[in-house]
Protein backbone atom coordinates (compact mmCIF):
# COMPACT_ATOMS: atom_id res chain seq x y z
CA MET A 1 98.33 124.33 63.40
CA GLN A 2 98.50 127.69 62.74
CA LYS A 3 102.35 127.46 61.77
CA GLU A 4 101.91 124.52 59.61
CA ILE A 5 99.10 126.44 57.76
CA THR A 6 101.33 129.56 57.49
CA ARG A 7 104.19 127.26 56.08
CA LEU A 8 101.75 125.47 53.56
CA MET A 9 100.69 129.09 52.66
CA VAL A 10 104.00 130.32 51.99
CA LEU A 11 105.22 127.11 49.93
CA PHE A 12 102.06 127.38 47.85
CA ILE A 13 103.03 131.05 47.29
CA ILE A 14 106.46 130.16 46.21
CA LEU A 15 105.19 127.32 43.93
CA LEU A 16 103.02 129.49 42.06
CA SER A 17 106.03 132.21 41.60
CA PHE A 18 107.87 129.61 40.10
CA THR A 19 106.61 128.65 36.24
CA SER A 20 107.23 125.16 35.79
CA CYS A 21 108.63 126.27 32.29
CA SER A 22 110.95 128.72 33.58
CA VAL A 23 112.29 125.60 35.94
CA VAL A 24 112.26 123.34 33.39
CA GLU A 25 114.38 125.50 31.31
CA GLY A 26 116.97 125.99 33.89
CA ILE A 27 117.19 122.17 34.21
CA PHE A 28 117.99 122.06 30.23
CA LYS A 29 120.12 125.03 30.47
CA ALA A 30 122.50 123.52 33.15
CA GLY A 31 122.14 120.12 31.32
CA MET A 32 123.24 121.43 27.81
CA GLY A 33 126.24 123.22 29.98
CA VAL A 34 127.70 119.93 31.07
CA GLY A 35 127.03 118.29 27.76
CA ILE A 36 128.75 120.47 25.77
CA PHE A 37 131.50 120.27 28.67
CA ILE A 38 131.93 116.77 28.51
CA VAL A 39 131.78 116.53 24.44
CA ILE A 40 134.65 119.03 24.71
CA ALA A 41 136.76 117.15 27.09
CA VAL A 42 136.30 114.15 25.09
CA ILE A 43 137.46 115.31 21.98
CA ALA A 44 140.70 117.06 23.59
CA ILE A 45 141.55 113.49 25.17
CA VAL A 46 140.88 111.65 22.13
CA ALA A 47 143.00 114.29 20.14
CA PHE A 48 145.63 113.98 23.09
CA ILE A 49 146.36 110.16 22.98
CA ILE A 50 146.21 110.64 18.95
CA SER A 51 148.68 113.32 19.03
CA LYS A 52 150.65 110.86 21.61
CA ILE A 53 150.94 108.03 19.23
CA PHE A 54 151.51 109.60 16.20
CA GLY A 55 153.99 112.25 17.56
CA LYS A 56 156.71 109.37 18.58
CA LYS A 57 157.55 108.24 15.08
């Protein structure tokens, strides 16, 4: 029983040390980075396909 209370207290302290804003900010920063990477990759693929189509003439 004492171990469970200790674990709950540690978890509660950890949760209080992270503000919800900083957690959400980290998630959105990671999401934005992945989104930018995907957009750049799609643009590169489209440019490659267009150069292959029009480059053979």
